[in-house]
Every structure is written in structure tokens, then in C-alpha cells.
């Protein structure tokens, strides 16, 4: 898979916070931002899969199984 450059303008205060978060994890700001975006993308895809499963089985049936 290839890579593409994405350039963005962000507030200095936000950049400082990103630097702090990245430093805590021993990462560059670029790596931290990419990892965060990947995690968010995974969370969205996972939630969509859960919603599709609930539609397929019916939300009430899934809830009833979780209780028992």
C-alpha cells in the first residue's frame, strides 16, 4: 500500500497537546496522529458491523441474549 502526503493547518495549542501525547508514547506526532486516525476508523467500522448484526438478528433478541 502506498502513502500520500496530507498537509493541514492546526492551532498551536492543539499541536502542543499532540506533541505531549506522542511523547508519552515515545512516538512522533505524525505516527501518533496516524495511529489515532486508524483507531477511530476501526471503531467506526466495528460499530457499523455491530449495527448490521443487530439489524440481522433484531435488537431485542441481541439484548435478551446479553441479559441471560
C-alpha atoms as a PDB file:
ATOM      1  CA  UNK A   1       0.000   0.000   0.000  1.00  0.00           C
ATOM      2  CA  UNK A   2       1.382   3.394  -0.961  1.00  0.00           C
ATOM      3  CA  UNK A   3       1.377   6.536   1.066  1.00  0.00           C
ATOM      4  CA  UNK A   4       0.169  10.044   0.357  1.00  0.00           C
ATOM      5  CA  UNK A   5       1.106  13.337   1.940  1.00  0.00           C
ATOM      6  CA  UNK A   6      -1.595  15.167   3.879  1.00  0.00           C
ATOM      7  CA  UNK A   7      -0.886  18.701   4.947  1.00  0.00           C
ATOM      8  CA  UNK A   8      -3.039  20.501   7.467  1.00  0.00           C
ATOM      9  CA  UNK A   9      -3.035  23.652   9.485  1.00  0.00           C
ATOM     10  CA  UNK A  10      -3.736  23.268  13.203  1.00  0.00           C
ATOM     11  CA  UNK A  11      -3.810  25.516  16.212  1.00  0.00           C
ATOM     12  CA  UNK A  12      -0.534  25.835  18.133  1.00  0.00           C
ATOM     13  CA  UNK A  13      -2.203  24.752  21.362  1.00  0.00           C
ATOM     14  CA  UNK A  14      -3.500  21.585  19.724  1.00  0.00           C
ATOM     15  CA  UNK A  15      -0.062  20.836  18.285  1.00  0.00           C
ATOM     16  CA  UNK A  16       1.458  21.194  21.753  1.00  0.00           C
ATOM     17  CA  UNK A  17      -1.073  18.719  23.167  1.00  0.00           C
ATOM     18  CA  UNK A  18      -0.406  16.310  20.326  1.00  0.00           C
ATOM     19  CA  UNK A  19       3.331  16.548  20.991  1.00  0.00           C
ATOM     20  CA  UNK A  20       2.740  15.758  24.666  1.00  0.00           C
ATOM     21  CA  UNK A  21       0.538  12.751  23.904  1.00  0.00           C
ATOM     22  CA  UNK A  22       3.025  11.466  21.331  1.00  0.00           C
ATOM     23  CA  UNK A  23       5.979  11.946  23.673  1.00  0.00           C
ATOM     24  CA  UNK A  24       4.246   9.938  26.424  1.00  0.00           C
ATOM     25  CA  UNK A  25       4.112   7.032  23.986  1.00  0.00           C
ATOM     26  CA  UNK A  26       7.576   7.559  22.556  1.00  0.00           C
ATOM     27  CA  UNK A  27       6.149   8.399  19.146  1.00  0.00           C
ATOM     28  CA  UNK A  28       6.437  11.192  16.627  1.00  0.00           C
ATOM     29  CA  UNK A  29       3.437  13.474  16.236  1.00  0.00           C
ATOM     30  CA  UNK A  30       2.913  12.077  12.739  1.00  0.00           C
ATOM     31  CA  UNK A  31       2.845   8.473  13.986  1.00  0.00           C
ATOM     32  CA  UNK A  32       0.560   9.402  16.883  1.00  0.00           C
ATOM     33  CA  UNK A  33      -1.949  11.151  14.604  1.00  0.00           C
ATOM     34  CA  UNK A  34      -1.942   8.302  12.083  1.00  0.00           C
ATOM     35  CA  UNK A  35      -2.445   5.722  14.840  1.00  0.00           C
ATOM     36  CA  UNK A  36      -5.298   7.767  16.287  1.00  0.00           C
ATOM     37  CA  UNK A  37      -6.984   8.051  12.888  1.00  0.00           C
ATOM     38  CA  UNK A  38      -6.605   4.319  12.267  1.00  0.00           C
ATOM     39  CA  UNK A  39      -8.094   3.514  15.668  1.00  0.00           C
ATOM     40  CA  UNK A  40     -11.024   5.871  15.038  1.00  0.00           C
ATOM     41  CA  UNK A  41     -11.601   4.328  11.608  1.00  0.00           C
ATOM     42  CA  UNK A  42     -11.579   0.836  13.161  1.00  0.00           C
ATOM     43  CA  UNK A  43     -14.037   1.941  15.855  1.00  0.00           C
ATOM     44  CA  UNK A  44     -16.426   3.290  13.209  1.00  0.00           C
ATOM     45  CA  UNK A  45     -16.211   0.126  11.098  1.00  0.00           C
ATOM     46  CA  UNK A  46     -16.679  -2.062  14.179  1.00  0.00           C
ATOM     47  CA  UNK A  47     -19.737  -0.069  15.268  1.00  0.00           C
ATOM     48  CA  UNK A  48     -21.213  -0.378  11.771  1.00  0.00           C
ATOM     49  CA  UNK A  49     -20.701  -4.156  11.934  1.00  0.00           C
ATOM     50  CA  UNK A  50     -22.422  -4.311  15.336  1.00  0.00           C
ATOM     51  CA  UNK A  51     -25.360  -2.317  13.995  1.00  0.00           C
ATOM     52  CA  UNK A  52     -25.665  -4.604  10.966  1.00  0.00           C
ATOM     53  CA  UNK A  53     -25.617  -7.645  13.247  1.00  0.00           C
ATOM     54  CA  UNK A  54     -28.342  -6.112  15.407  1.00  0.00           C
ATOM     55  CA  UNK A  55     -30.445  -5.438  12.294  1.00  0.00           C
ATOM     56  CA  UNK A  56     -29.953  -9.027  11.126  1.00  0.00           C
ATOM     57  CA  UNK A  57     -30.819 -10.662  14.444  1.00  0.00           C
ATOM     58  CA  UNK A  58     -33.084  -7.941  15.764  1.00  0.00           C
ATOM     59  CA  UNK A  59     -32.013  -5.582  18.549  1.00  0.00           C
ATOM     60  CA  UNK A  60     -34.432  -7.102  21.083  1.00  0.00           C
ATOM     61  CA  UNK A  61     -33.068 -10.619  20.581  1.00  0.00           C
ATOM     62  CA  UNK A  62     -29.446  -9.450  20.985  1.00  0.00           C
ATOM     63  CA  UNK A  63     -30.372  -7.569  24.162  1.00  0.00           C
ATOM     64  CA  UNK A  64     -32.189 -10.622  25.546  1.00  0.00           C
ATOM     65  CA  UNK A  65     -29.146 -12.838  24.918  1.00  0.00           C
ATOM     66  CA  UNK A  66     -26.869 -10.387  26.710  1.00  0.00           C
ATOM     67  CA  UNK A  67     -29.119 -10.461  29.800  1.00  0.00           C
ATOM     68  CA  UNK A  68     -29.258 -14.254  30.071  1.00  0.00           C
END
